[in-house]
Amino acid sequence: MEARNLAHCFLTLRAVLAAGFFACVCATAQAQPTGPSIAQSEPETVDVAAALCRDVLVLSGEDRDLGIAFMHGHIFGEKGQSVIYPDQLAQSVGVFLELCVEDPQANALATLKKSIAQP
């Protein structure tokens, strides 16, 4: 297995593991006080589609990379797409971050979809 493919597989595994972390960050950013946490009996859920660009921008380094990788996976899963092109993904991340800086209140998933569509 080529080093690039191995690195991609490792990144994919790390993205899956980081999905829970990304979901927690989004939930924390959007959480409303509801009283003591012990009183909550239902498991916490996060709607990834509701995450804003600012939720992604506040992440740093590896956490941001993994969050974006998770969102890419979500988008590709919606499309039923299993083939990726790493160079195109890298380019779309740059466009995504630029768009998010321009409008931090924008929906992160919609912005990422827009950045993937741009050449």
PDB file of N, CA and C in Angstrom:
ATOM      1  N   MET A   1       0.857  -1.178   0.000  1.00  0.00           N
ATOM      2  CA  MET A   1       0.000   0.000   0.000  1.00  0.00           C
ATOM      3  C   MET A   1       0.897   1.233   0.000  1.00  0.00           C
ATOM      4  N   GLU A   2       0.625   2.153  -0.905  1.00  0.00           N
ATOM      5  CA  GLU A   2       1.419   3.370  -0.989  1.00  0.00           C
ATOM      6  C   GLU A   2       1.274   4.183   0.289  1.00  0.00           C
ATOM      7  N   ALA A   3       2.301   4.988   0.589  1.00  0.00           N
ATOM      8  CA  ALA A   3       2.270   5.821   1.792  1.00  0.00           C
ATOM      9  C   ALA A   3       1.090   6.785   1.754  1.00  0.00           C
ATOM     10  N   ARG A   4       0.784   7.328   0.582  1.00  0.00           N
ATOM     11  CA  ARG A   4      -0.329   8.282   0.468  1.00  0.00           C
ATOM     12  C   ARG A   4      -1.656   7.599   0.791  1.00  0.00           C
ATOM     13  N   ASN A   5      -1.854   6.382   0.281  1.00  0.00           N
ATOM     14  CA  ASN A   5      -3.077   5.638   0.560  1.00  0.00           C
ATOM     15  C   ASN A   5      -3.171   5.277   2.041  1.00  0.00           C
ATOM     16  N   LEU A   6      -2.049   4.882   2.616  1.00  0.00           N
ATOM     17  CA  LEU A   6      -2.021   4.548   4.031  1.00  0.00           C
ATOM     18  C   LEU A   6      -2.346   5.778   4.869  1.00  0.00           C
ATOM     19  N   ALA A   7      -1.777   6.921   4.509  1.00  0.00           N
ATOM     20  CA  ALA A   7      -2.062   8.156   5.239  1.00  0.00           C
ATOM     21  C   ALA A   7      -3.535   8.508   5.112  1.00  0.00           C
ATOM     22  N   HIS A   8      -4.106   8.298   3.926  1.00  0.00           N
ATOM     23  CA  HIS A   8      -5.525   8.585   3.727  1.00  0.00           C
ATOM     24  C   HIS A   8      -6.381   7.667   4.598  1.00  0.00           C
ATOM     25  N   CYS A   9      -6.037   6.387   4.647  1.00  0.00           N
ATOM     26  CA  CYS A   9      -6.795   5.449   5.486  1.00  0.00           C
ATOM     27  C   CYS A   9      -6.709   5.861   6.953  1.00  0.00           C
ATOM     28  N   PHE A  10      -5.538   6.267   7.389  1.00  0.00           N
ATOM     29  CA  PHE A  10      -5.357   6.709   8.764  1.00  0.00           C
ATOM     30  C   PHE A  10      -6.193   7.953   9.050  1.00  0.00           C
ATOM     31  N   LEU A  11      -6.181   8.900   8.106  1.00  0.00           N
ATOM     32  CA  LEU A  11      -6.971  10.121   8.268  1.00  0.00           C
ATOM     33  C   LEU A  11      -8.459   9.786   8.335  1.00  0.00           C
ATOM     34  N   THR A  12      -8.892   8.852   7.503  1.00  0.00           N
ATOM     35  CA  THR A  12     -10.299   8.458   7.505  1.00  0.00           C
ATOM     36  C   THR A  12     -10.678   7.869   8.858  1.00  0.00           C
ATOM     37  N   LEU A  13      -9.861   6.989   9.394  1.00  0.00           N
ATOM     38  CA  LEU A  13     -10.125   6.399  10.696  1.00  0.00           C
ATOM     39  C   LEU A  13     -10.154   7.466  11.771  1.00  0.00           C
ATOM     40  N   ARG A  14      -9.210   8.379  11.744  1.00  0.00           N
ATOM     41  CA  ARG A  14      -9.178   9.456  12.731  1.00  0.00           C
ATOM     42  C   ARG A  14     -10.401  10.353  12.595  1.00  0.00           C
ATOM     43  N   ALA A  15     -10.873  10.575  11.364  1.00  0.00           N
ATOM     44  CA  ALA A  15     -12.060  11.403  11.150  1.00  0.00           C
ATOM     45  C   ALA A  15     -13.282  10.759  11.782  1.00  0.00           C
ATOM     46  N   VAL A  16     -13.391   9.452  11.644  1.00  0.00           N
ATOM     47  CA  VAL A  16     -14.518   8.746  12.260  1.00  0.00           C
ATOM     48  C   VAL A  16     -14.446   8.882  13.778  1.00  0.00           C
ATOM     49  N   LEU A  17     -13.265   8.720  14.332  1.00  0.00           N
ATOM     50  CA  LEU A  17     -13.103   8.829  15.779  1.00  0.00           C
ATOM     51  C   LEU A  17     -13.341  10.248  16.266  1.00  0.00           C
ATOM     52  N   ALA A  18     -13.028  11.226  15.427  1.00  0.00           N
ATOM     53  CA  ALA A  18     -13.191  12.620  15.825  1.00  0.00           C
ATOM     54  C   ALA A  18     -14.620  13.118  15.645  1.00  0.00           C
ATOM     55  N   ALA A  19     -15.456  12.351  14.979  1.00  0.00           N
ATOM     56  CA  ALA A  19     -16.826  12.792  14.735  1.00  0.00           C
ATOM     57  C   ALA A  19     -17.538  13.109  16.044  1.00  0.00           C
ATOM     58  N   GLY A  20     -17.322  12.286  17.047  1.00  0.00           N
ATOM     59  CA  GLY A  20     -17.937  12.543  18.346  1.00  0.00           C
ATOM     60  C   GLY A  20     -17.433  13.833  18.953  1.00  0.00           C
ATOM     61  N   PHE A  21     -16.142  14.110  18.806  1.00  0.00           N
ATOM     62  CA  PHE A  21     -15.588  15.350  19.337  1.00  0.00           C
ATOM     63  C   PHE A  21     -16.200  16.548  18.629  1.00  0.00           C
ATOM     64  N   PHE A  22     -16.283  16.486  17.292  1.00  0.00           N
ATOM     65  CA  PHE A  22     -16.858  17.584  16.519  1.00  0.00           C
ATOM     66  C   PHE A  22     -18.317  17.802  16.929  1.00  0.00           C
ATOM     67  N   ALA A  23     -19.045  16.729  17.099  1.00  0.00           N
ATOM     68  CA  ALA A  23     -20.448  16.837  17.507  1.00  0.00           C
ATOM     69  C   ALA A  23     -20.559  17.501  18.874  1.00  0.00           C
ATOM     70  N   CYS A  24     -19.656  17.173  19.777  1.00  0.00           N
ATOM     71  CA  CYS A  24     -19.681  17.788  21.109  1.00  0.00           C
ATOM     72  C   CYS A  24     -19.387  19.278  21.045  1.00  0.00           C
ATOM     73  N   VAL A  25     -18.450  19.668  20.202  1.00  0.00           N
ATOM     74  CA  VAL A  25     -18.125  21.088  20.070  1.00  0.00           C
ATOM     75  C   VAL A  25     -19.320  21.846  19.526  1.00  0.00           C
ATOM     76  N   CYS A  26     -19.973  21.283  18.516  1.00  0.00           N
ATOM     77  CA  CYS A  26     -21.156  21.943  17.945  1.00  0.00           C
ATOM     78  C   CYS A  26     -22.269  22.032  18.973  1.00  0.00           C
ATOM     79  N   ALA A  27     -22.454  20.977  19.732  1.00  0.00           N
ATOM     80  CA  ALA A  27     -23.510  20.979  20.751  1.00  0.00           C
ATOM     81  C   ALA A  27     -23.209  21.998  21.841  1.00  0.00           C
ATOM     82  N   THR A  28     -21.960  22.095  22.243  1.00  0.00           N
ATOM     83  CA  THR A  28     -21.584  23.049  23.272  1.00  0.00           C
ATOM     84  C   THR A  28     -21.793  24.472  22.781  1.00  0.00           C
ATOM     85  N   ALA A  29     -21.463  24.718  21.529  1.00  0.00           N
ATOM     86  CA  ALA A  29     -21.620  26.067  20.976  1.00  0.00           C
ATOM     87  C   ALA A  29     -23.084  26.473  20.875  1.00  0.00           C
ATOM     88  N   GLN A  30     -23.980  25.499  20.740  1.00  0.00           N
ATOM     89  CA  GLN A  30     -25.388  25.797  20.551  1.00  0.00           C
ATOM     90  C   GLN A  30     -26.236  25.479  21.780  1.00  0.00           C
ATOM     91  N   ALA A  31     -25.622  24.957  22.816  1.00  0.00           N
ATOM     92  CA  ALA A  31     -26.375  24.498  23.987  1.00  0.00           C
ATOM     93  C   ALA A  31     -27.012  25.660  24.753  1.00  0.00           C
ATOM     94  N   GLN A  32     -28.168  25.399  25.292  1.00  0.00           N
ATOM     95  CA  GLN A  32     -28.865  26.342  26.151  1.00  0.00           C
ATOM     96  C   GLN A  32     -28.907  25.736  27.551  1.00  0.00           C
ATOM     97  N   PRO A  33     -28.722  26.541  28.584  1.00  0.00           N
ATOM     98  CA  PRO A  33     -28.778  25.989  29.928  1.00  0.00           C
ATOM     99  C   PRO A  33     -30.162  25.385  30.196  1.00  0.00           C
ATOM    100  N   THR A  34     -30.166  24.173  30.726  1.00  0.00           N
ATOM    101  CA  THR A  34     -31.430  23.494  31.001  1.00  0.00           C
ATOM    102  C   THR A  34     -31.513  22.994  32.436  1.00  0.00           C
ATOM    103  N   GLY A  35     -30.609  23.441  33.277  1.00  0.00           N
ATOM    104  CA  GLY A  35     -30.611  22.964  34.656  1.00  0.00           C
ATOM    105  C   GLY A  35     -29.504  21.959  34.864  1.00  0.00           C
ATOM    106  N   PRO A  36     -29.520  21.266  35.988  1.00  0.00           N
ATOM    107  CA  PRO A  36     -28.457  20.306  36.289  1.00  0.00           C
ATOM    108  C   PRO A  36     -28.386  19.196  35.245  1.00  0.00           C
ATOM    109  N   SER A  37     -27.177  18.847  34.848  1.00  0.00           N
ATOM    110  CA  SER A  37     -27.016  17.841  33.802  1.00  0.00           C
ATOM    111  C   SER A  37     -27.438  16.457  34.286  1.00  0.00           C
ATOM    112  N   ILE A  38     -27.406  16.206  35.571  1.00  0.00           N
ATOM    113  CA  ILE A  38     -27.822  14.906  36.099  1.00  0.00           C
ATOM    114  C   ILE A  38     -29.307  14.668  35.831  1.00  0.00           C
ATOM    115  N   ALA A  39     -30.093  15.725  35.772  1.00  0.00           N
ATOM    116  CA  ALA A  39     -31.524  15.589  35.559  1.00  0.00           C
ATOM    117  C   ALA A  39     -31.860  15.210  34.115  1.00  0.00           C
ATOM    118  N   GLN A  40     -30.939  15.367  33.194  1.00  0.00           N
ATOM    119  CA  GLN A  40     -31.205  15.033  31.800  1.00  0.00           C
ATOM    120  C   GLN A  40     -31.133  13.522  31.624  1.00  0.00           C
ATOM    121  N   SER A  41     -32.222  12.937  31.153  1.00  0.00           N
ATOM    122  CA  SER A  41     -32.245  11.490  31.005  1.00  0.00           C
ATOM    123  C   SER A  41     -32.100  11.042  29.559  1.00  0.00           C
ATOM    124  N   GLU A  42     -32.350  11.927  28.597  1.00  0.00           N
ATOM    125  CA  GLU A  42     -32.236  11.552  27.198  1.00  0.00           C
ATOM    126  C   GLU A  42     -30.811  11.787  26.712  1.00  0.00           C
ATOM    127  N   PRO A  43     -30.309  10.905  25.837  1.00  0.00           N
ATOM    128  CA  PRO A  43     -28.963  11.118  25.303  1.00  0.00           C
ATOM    129  C   PRO A  43     -28.916  12.381  24.452  1.00  0.00           C
ATOM    130  N   GLU A  44     -27.788  13.049  24.499  1.00  0.00           N
ATOM    131  CA  GLU A  44     -27.611  14.275  23.728  1.00  0.00           C
ATOM    132  C   GLU A  44     -27.456  13.928  22.250  1.00  0.00           C
ATOM    133  N   THR A  45     -28.087  14.690  21.410  1.00  0.00           N
ATOM    134  CA  THR A  45     -27.949  14.508  19.966  1.00  0.00           C
ATOM    135  C   THR A  45     -27.474  15.817  19.348  1.00  0.00           C
ATOM    136  N   VAL A  46     -26.855  15.707  18.203  1.00  0.00           N
ATOM    137  CA  VAL A  46     -26.356  16.876  17.493  1.00  0.00           C
ATOM    138  C   VAL A  46     -26.754  16.750  16.035  1.00  0.00           C
ATOM    139  N   ASP A  47     -27.309  17.800  15.497  1.00  0.00           N
ATOM    140  CA  ASP A  47     -27.640  17.844  14.079  1.00  0.00           C
ATOM    141  C   ASP A  47     -26.466  18.494  13.356  1.00  0.00           C
ATOM    142  N   VAL A  48     -25.651  17.679  12.708  1.00  0.00           N
ATOM    143  CA  VAL A  48     -24.465  18.185  12.020  1.00  0.00           C
ATOM    144  C   VAL A  48     -24.869  19.206  10.959  1.00  0.00           C
ATOM    145  N   ALA A  49     -26.044  19.036  10.393  1.00  0.00           N
ATOM    146  CA  ALA A  49     -26.517  19.967   9.366  1.00  0.00           C
ATOM    147  C   ALA A  49     -26.798  21.352   9.943  1.00  0.00           C
ATOM    148  N   ALA A  50     -26.882  21.471  11.266  1.00  0.00           N
ATOM    149  CA  ALA A  50     -27.158  22.762  11.891  1.00  0.00           C
ATOM    150  C   ALA A  50     -25.886  23.509  12.300  1.00  0.00           C
ATOM    151  N   ALA A  51     -24.730  22.898  12.131  1.00  0.00           N
ATOM    152  CA  ALA A  51     -23.467  23.540  12.525  1.00  0.00           C
ATOM    153  C   ALA A  51     -23.210  24.771  11.664  1.00  0.00           C
ATOM    154  N   LEU A  52     -22.713  25.800  12.288  1.00  0.00           N
ATOM    155  CA  LEU A  52     -22.370  27.038  11.586  1.00  0.00           C
ATOM    156  C   LEU A  52     -20.883  27.065  11.270  1.00  0.00           C
ATOM    157  N   CYS A  53     -20.511  27.914  10.335  1.00  0.00           N
ATOM    158  CA  CYS A  53     -19.094  28.071  10.007  1.00  0.00           C
ATOM    159  C   CYS A  53     -18.283  28.432  11.241  1.00  0.00           C
ATOM    160  N   ARG A  54     -18.827  29.289  12.106  1.00  0.00           N
ATOM    161  CA  ARG A  54     -18.073  29.695  13.301  1.00  0.00           C
ATOM    162  C   ARG A  54     -17.766  28.493  14.201  1.00  0.00           C
ATOM    163  N   ASP A  55     -18.652  27.476  14.207  1.00  0.00           N
ATOM    164  CA  ASP A  55     -18.406  26.278  14.998  1.00  0.00           C
ATOM    165  C   ASP A  55     -17.158  25.550  14.505  1.00  0.00           C
ATOM    166  N   VAL A  56     -16.935  25.587  13.201  1.00  0.00           N
ATOM    167  CA  VAL A  56     -15.751  24.956  12.617  1.00  0.00           C
ATOM    168  C   VAL A  56     -14.533  25.854  12.811  1.00  0.00           C
ATOM    169  N   LEU A  57     -14.706  27.164  12.641  1.00  0.00           N
ATOM    170  CA  LEU A  57     -13.577  28.091  12.738  1.00  0.00           C
ATOM    171  C   LEU A  57     -12.978  28.145  14.136  1.00  0.00           C
ATOM    172  N   VAL A  58     -13.775  27.882  15.178  1.00  0.00           N
ATOM    173  CA  VAL A  58     -13.230  27.937  16.533  1.00  0.00           C
ATOM    174  C   VAL A  58     -12.380  26.715  16.855  1.00  0.00           C
ATOM    175  N   LEU A  59     -12.503  25.669  16.061  1.00  0.00           N
ATOM    176  CA  LEU A  59     -11.639  24.505  16.232  1.00  0.00           C
ATOM    177  C   LEU A  59     -10.245  24.872  15.737  1.00  0.00           C
ATOM    178  N   SER A  60      -9.239  24.188  16.244  1.00  0.00           N
ATOM    179  CA  SER A  60      -7.895  24.511  15.791  1.00  0.00           C
ATOM    180  C   SER A  60      -7.171  23.261  15.303  1.00  0.00           C
ATOM    181  N   GLY A  61      -6.262  23.479  14.382  1.00  0.00           N
ATOM    182  CA  GLY A  61      -5.373  22.429  13.903  1.00  0.00           C
ATOM    183  C   GLY A  61      -6.060  21.139  13.517  1.00  0.00           C
ATOM    184  N   GLU A  62      -5.622  20.072  14.162  1.00  0.00           N
ATOM    185  CA  GLU A  62      -6.112  18.736  13.869  1.00  0.00           C
ATOM    186  C   GLU A  62      -7.621  18.608  14.078  1.00  0.00           C
ATOM    187  N   ASP A  63      -8.142  19.245  15.110  1.00  0.00           N
ATOM    188  CA  ASP A  63      -9.572  19.152  15.386  1.00  0.00           C
ATOM    189  C   ASP A  63     -10.388  19.737  14.230  1.00  0.00           C
ATOM    190  N   ARG A  64      -9.933  20.864  13.706  1.00  0.00           N
ATOM    191  CA  ARG A  64     -10.624  21.475  12.564  1.00  0.00           C
ATOM    192  C   ARG A  64     -10.528  20.560  11.349  1.00  0.00           C
ATOM    193  N   ASP A  65      -9.332  20.032  11.092  1.00  0.00           N
ATOM    194  CA  ASP A  65      -9.142  19.140   9.946  1.00  0.00           C
ATOM    195  C   ASP A  65     -10.061  17.926  10.041  1.00  0.00           C
ATOM    196  N   LEU A  66     -10.151  17.360  11.223  1.00  0.00           N
ATOM    197  CA  LEU A  66     -10.980  16.175  11.402  1.00  0.00           C
ATOM    198  C   LEU A  66     -12.465  16.508  11.285  1.00  0.00           C
ATOM    199  N   GLY A  67     -12.851  17.657  11.800  1.00  0.00           N
ATOM    200  CA  GLY A  67     -14.253  18.078  11.664  1.00  0.00           C
ATOM    201  C   GLY A  67     -14.638  18.263  10.207  1.00  0.00           C
ATOM    202  N   ILE A  68     -13.757  18.894   9.438  1.00  0.00           N
ATOM    203  CA  ILE A  68     -14.020  19.106   8.017  1.00  0.00           C
ATOM    204  C   ILE A  68     -14.025  17.771   7.282  1.00  0.00           C
ATOM    205  N   ALA A  69     -13.105  16.876   7.639  1.00  0.00           N
ATOM    206  CA  ALA A  69     -13.084  15.548   7.014  1.00  0.00           C
ATOM    207  C   ALA A  69     -14.385  14.801   7.300  1.00  0.00           C
ATOM    208  N   PHE A  70     -14.894  14.932   8.520  1.00  0.00           N
ATOM    209  CA  PHE A  70     -16.157  14.285   8.864  1.00  0.00           C
ATOM    210  C   PHE A  70     -17.294  14.848   8.009  1.00  0.00           C
ATOM    211  N   MET A  71     -17.326  16.173   7.865  1.00  0.00           N
ATOM    212  CA  MET A  71     -18.383  16.785   7.053  1.00  0.00           C
ATOM    213  C   MET A  71     -18.269  16.361   5.588  1.00  0.00           C
ATOM    214  N   HIS A  72     -17.030  16.245   5.074  1.00  0.00           N
ATOM    215  CA  HIS A  72     -16.856  15.741   3.710  1.00  0.00           C
ATOM    216  C   HIS A  72     -17.465  14.343   3.602  1.00  0.00           C
ATOM    217  N   GLY A  73     -17.169  13.501   4.581  1.00  0.00           N
ATOM    218  CA  GLY A  73     -17.718  12.146   4.578  1.00  0.00           C
ATOM    219  C   GLY A  73     -19.238  12.152   4.601  1.00  0.00           C
ATOM    220  N   HIS A  74     -19.800  13.055   5.379  1.00  0.00           N
ATOM    221  CA  HIS A  74     -21.255  13.186   5.453  1.00  0.00           C
ATOM    222  C   HIS A  74     -21.827  13.543   4.071  1.00  0.00           C
ATOM    223  N   ILE A  75     -21.212  14.517   3.425  1.00  0.00           N
ATOM    224  CA  ILE A  75     -21.673  14.949   2.099  1.00  0.00           C
ATOM    225  C   ILE A  75     -21.537  13.822   1.083  1.00  0.00           C
ATOM    226  N   PHE A  76     -20.386  13.137   1.087  1.00  0.00           N
ATOM    227  CA  PHE A  76     -20.189  12.041   0.145  1.00  0.00           C
ATOM    228  C   PHE A  76     -21.153  10.894   0.426  1.00  0.00           C
ATOM    229  N   GLY A  77     -21.455  10.665   1.691  1.00  0.00           N
ATOM    230  CA  GLY A  77     -22.425   9.634   2.051  1.00  0.00           C
ATOM    231  C   GLY A  77     -23.815   9.962   1.521  1.00  0.00           C
ATOM    232  N   GLU A  78     -24.200  11.232   1.615  1.00  0.00           N
ATOM    233  CA  GLU A  78     -25.494  11.662   1.072  1.00  0.00           C
ATOM    234  C   GLU A  78     -25.581  11.386  -0.427  1.00  0.00           C
ATOM    235  N   LYS A  79     -24.464  11.582  -1.108  1.00  0.00           N
ATOM    236  CA  LYS A  79     -24.428  11.395  -2.560  1.00  0.00           C
ATOM    237  C   LYS A  79     -24.240   9.932  -2.954  1.00  0.00           C
ATOM    238  N   GLY A  80     -23.892   9.090  -1.983  1.00  0.00           N
ATOM    239  CA  GLY A  80     -23.586   7.704  -2.295  1.00  0.00           C
ATOM    240  C   GLY A  80     -22.238   7.571  -2.999  1.00  0.00           C
ATOM    241  N   GLN A  81     -21.391   8.565  -2.815  1.00  0.00           N
ATOM    242  CA  GLN A  81     -20.088   8.614  -3.479  1.00  0.00           C
ATOM    243  C   GLN A  81     -19.042   7.971  -2.576  1.00  0.00           C
ATOM    244  N   SER A  82     -18.272   7.044  -3.128  1.00  0.00           N
ATOM    245  CA  SER A  82     -17.230   6.395  -2.329  1.00  0.00           C
ATOM    246  C   SER A  82     -15.828   6.675  -2.853  1.00  0.00           C
ATOM    247  N   VAL A  83     -15.718   7.304  -4.009  1.00  0.00           N
ATOM    248  CA  VAL A  83     -14.418   7.641  -4.584  1.00  0.00           C
ATOM    249  C   VAL A  83     -14.135   9.103  -4.289  1.00  0.00           C
ATOM    250  N   ILE A  84     -12.941   9.365  -3.755  1.00  0.00           N
ATOM    251  CA  ILE A  84     -12.548  10.739  -3.482  1.00  0.00           C
ATOM    252  C   ILE A  84     -11.273  11.074  -4.248  1.00  0.00           C
ATOM    253  N   TYR A  85     -11.069  12.346  -4.458  1.00  0.00           N
ATOM    254  CA  TYR A  85      -9.868  12.853  -5.108  1.00  0.00           C
ATOM    255  C   TYR A  85      -9.192  13.799  -4.125  1.00  0.00           C
ATOM    256  N   PRO A  86      -8.126  13.332  -3.449  1.00  0.00           N
ATOM    257  CA  PRO A  86      -7.495  14.122  -2.391  1.00  0.00           C
ATOM    258  C   PRO A  86      -7.114  15.542  -2.791  1.00  0.00           C
ATOM    259  N   ASP A  87      -6.630  15.734  -4.014  1.00  0.00           N
ATOM    260  CA  ASP A  87      -6.241  17.081  -4.443  1.00  0.00           C
ATOM    261  C   ASP A  87      -7.456  18.004  -4.520  1.00  0.00           C
ATOM    262  N   GLN A  88      -8.583  17.483  -5.022  1.00  0.00           N
ATOM    263  CA  GLN A  88      -9.806  18.283  -5.091  1.00  0.00           C
ATOM    264  C   GLN A  88     -10.338  18.572  -3.688  1.00  0.00           C
ATOM    265  N   LEU A  89     -10.217  17.594  -2.786  1.00  0.00           N
ATOM    266  CA  LEU A  89     -10.657  17.823  -1.404  1.00  0.00           C
ATOM    267  C   LEU A  89      -9.834  18.925  -0.755  1.00  0.00           C
ATOM    268  N   ALA A  90      -8.536  18.881  -0.950  1.00  0.00           N
ATOM    269  CA  ALA A  90      -7.667  19.898  -0.358  1.00  0.00           C
ATOM    270  C   ALA A  90      -8.024  21.285  -0.880  1.00  0.00           C
ATOM    271  N   GLN A  91      -8.301  21.385  -2.168  1.00  0.00           N
ATOM    272  CA  GLN A  91      -8.678  22.667  -2.753  1.00  0.00           C
ATOM    273  C   GLN A  91     -10.010  23.147  -2.186  1.00  0.00           C
ATOM    274  N   SER A  92     -10.968  22.234  -2.022  1.00  0.00           N
ATOM    275  CA  SER A  92     -12.284  22.632  -1.511  1.00  0.00           C
ATOM    276  C   SER A  92     -12.198  23.092  -0.058  1.00  0.00           C
ATOM    277  N   VAL A  93     -11.266  22.547   0.706  1.00  0.00           N
ATOM    278  CA  VAL A  93     -11.108  22.980   2.102  1.00  0.00           C
ATOM    279  C   VAL A  93     -10.644  24.429   2.149  1.00  0.00           C
ATOM    280  N   GLY A  94      -9.714  24.791   1.283  1.00  0.00           N
ATOM    281  CA  GLY A  94      -9.263  26.183   1.232  1.00  0.00           C
ATOM    282  C   GLY A  94     -10.394  27.138   0.891  1.00  0.00           C
ATOM    283  N   VAL A  95     -11.196  26.762  -0.087  1.00  0.00           N
ATOM    284  CA  VAL A  95     -12.347  27.591  -0.482  1.00  0.00           C
ATOM    285  C   VAL A  95     -13.347  27.652   0.668  1.00  0.00           C
ATOM    286  N   PHE A  96     -13.603  26.509   1.307  1.00  0.00           N
ATOM    287  CA  PHE A  96     -14.532  26.443   2.441  1.00  0.00           C
ATOM    288  C   PHE A  96     -14.121  27.400   3.555  1.00  0.00           C
ATOM    289  N   LEU A  97     -12.855  27.365   3.931  1.00  0.00           N
ATOM    290  CA  LEU A  97     -12.391  28.227   5.021  1.00  0.00           C
ATOM    291  C   LEU A  97     -12.503  29.704   4.647  1.00  0.00           C
ATOM    292  N   GLU A  98     -12.198  30.037   3.396  1.00  0.00           N
ATOM    293  CA  GLU A  98     -12.351  31.432   2.954  1.00  0.00           C
ATOM    294  C   GLU A  98     -13.806  31.877   3.042  1.00  0.00           C
ATOM    295  N   LEU A  99     -14.720  31.027   2.588  1.00  0.00           N
ATOM    296  CA  LEU A  99     -16.143  31.362   2.644  1.00  0.00           C
ATOM    297  C   LEU A  99     -16.626  31.494   4.086  1.00  0.00           C
ATOM    298  N   CYS A 100     -16.122  30.632   4.960  1.00  0.00           N
ATOM    299  CA  CYS A 100     -16.522  30.696   6.369  1.00  0.00           C
ATOM    300  C   CYS A 100     -16.021  31.964   7.049  1.00  0.00           C
ATOM    301  N   VAL A 101     -14.813  32.378   6.715  1.00  0.00           N
ATOM    302  CA  VAL A 101     -14.285  33.610   7.293  1.00  0.00           C
ATOM    303  C   VAL A 101     -15.134  34.801   6.832  1.00  0.00           C
ATOM    304  N   GLU A 102     -15.570  34.759   5.581  1.00  0.00           N
ATOM    305  CA  GLU A 102     -16.409  35.835   5.051  1.00  0.00           C
ATOM    306  C   GLU A 102     -17.775  35.873   5.731  1.00  0.00           C
ATOM    307  N   ASP A 103     -18.321  34.696   6.100  1.00  0.00           N
ATOM    308  CA  ASP A 103     -19.650  34.631   6.704  1.00  0.00           C
ATOM    309  C   ASP A 103     -19.692  33.542   7.774  1.00  0.00           C
ATOM    310  N   PRO A 104     -19.222  33.847   8.995  1.00  0.00           N
ATOM    311  CA  PRO A 104     -19.179  32.849  10.067  1.00  0.00           C
ATOM    312  C   PRO A 104     -20.550  32.330  10.493  1.00  0.00           C
ATOM    313  N   GLN A 105     -21.617  33.070  10.181  1.00  0.00           N
ATOM    314  CA  GLN A 105     -22.966  32.640  10.559  1.00  0.00           C
ATOM    315  C   GLN A 105     -23.591  31.699   9.524  1.00  0.00           C
ATOM    316  N   ALA A 106     -22.891  31.448   8.426  1.00  0.00           N
ATOM    317  CA  ALA A 106     -23.414  30.568   7.383  1.00  0.00           C
ATOM    318  C   ALA A 106     -23.427  29.130   7.864  1.00  0.00           C
ATOM    319  N   ASN A 107     -24.325  28.344   7.304  1.00  0.00           N
ATOM    320  CA  ASN A 107     -24.393  26.922   7.611  1.00  0.00           C
ATOM    321  C   ASN A 107     -23.133  26.244   7.080  1.00  0.00           C
ATOM    322  N   ALA A 108     -22.422  25.530   7.939  1.00  0.00           N
ATOM    323  CA  ALA A 108     -21.136  24.936   7.567  1.00  0.00           C
ATOM    324  C   ALA A 108     -21.284  23.876   6.483  1.00  0.00           C
ATOM    325  N   LEU A 109     -22.294  23.017   6.600  1.00  0.00           N
ATOM    326  CA  LEU A 109     -22.468  21.948   5.618  1.00  0.00           C
ATOM    327  C   LEU A 109     -22.819  22.520   4.243  1.00  0.00           C
ATOM    328  N   ALA A 110     -23.704  23.506   4.208  1.00  0.00           N
ATOM    329  CA  ALA A 110     -24.070  24.142   2.939  1.00  0.00           C
ATOM    330  C   ALA A 110     -22.863  24.851   2.326  1.00  0.00           C
ATOM    331  N   THR A 111     -22.058  25.471   3.170  1.00  0.00           N
ATOM    332  CA  THR A 111     -20.861  26.169   2.682  1.00  0.00           C
ATOM    333  C   THR A 111     -19.849  25.177   2.127  1.00  0.00           C
ATOM    334  N   LEU A 112     -19.696  24.045   2.810  1.00  0.00           N
ATOM    335  CA  LEU A 112     -18.768  23.025   2.309  1.00  0.00           C
ATOM    336  C   LEU A 112     -19.265  22.449   0.987  1.00  0.00           C
ATOM    337  N   LYS A 113     -20.562  22.217   0.878  1.00  0.00           N
ATOM    338  CA  LYS A 113     -21.124  21.732  -0.392  1.00  0.00           C
ATOM    339  C   LYS A 113     -20.846  22.725  -1.510  1.00  0.00           C
ATOM    340  N   LYS A 114     -20.997  24.003  -1.208  1.00  0.00           N
ATOM    341  CA  LYS A 114     -20.725  25.055  -2.186  1.00  0.00           C
ATOM    342  C   LYS A 114     -19.246  25.035  -2.587  1.00  0.00           C
ATOM    343  N   SER A 115     -18.355  24.835  -1.629  1.00  0.00           N
ATOM    344  CA  SER A 115     -16.923  24.846  -1.930  1.00  0.00           C
ATOM    345  C   SER A 115     -16.511  23.627  -2.740  1.00  0.00           C
ATOM    346  N   ILE A 116     -17.193  22.504  -2.552  1.00  0.00           N
ATOM    347  CA  ILE A 116     -16.891  21.310  -3.329  1.00  0.00           C
ATOM    348  C   ILE A 116     -17.313  21.502  -4.773  1.00  0.00           C
ATOM    349  N   ALA A 117     -18.396  22.222  -4.975  1.00  0.00           N
ATOM    350  CA  ALA A 117     -18.917  22.449  -6.326  1.00  0.00           C
ATOM    351  C   ALA A 117     -18.059  23.418  -7.121  1.00  0.00           C
ATOM    352  N   GLN A 118     -17.287  24.282  -6.429  1.00  0.00           N
ATOM    353  CA  GLN A 118     -16.447  25.253  -7.136  1.00  0.00           C
ATOM    354  C   GLN A 118     -15.200  24.578  -7.671  1.00  0.00           C
ATOM    355  N   PRO A 119     -14.818  24.931  -8.901  1.00  0.00           N
ATOM    356  CA  PRO A 119     -13.598  24.323  -9.488  1.00  0.00           C
ATOM    357  C   PRO A 119     -12.339  24.862  -8.845  1.00  0.00           C
TER     358      PRO A 119
END
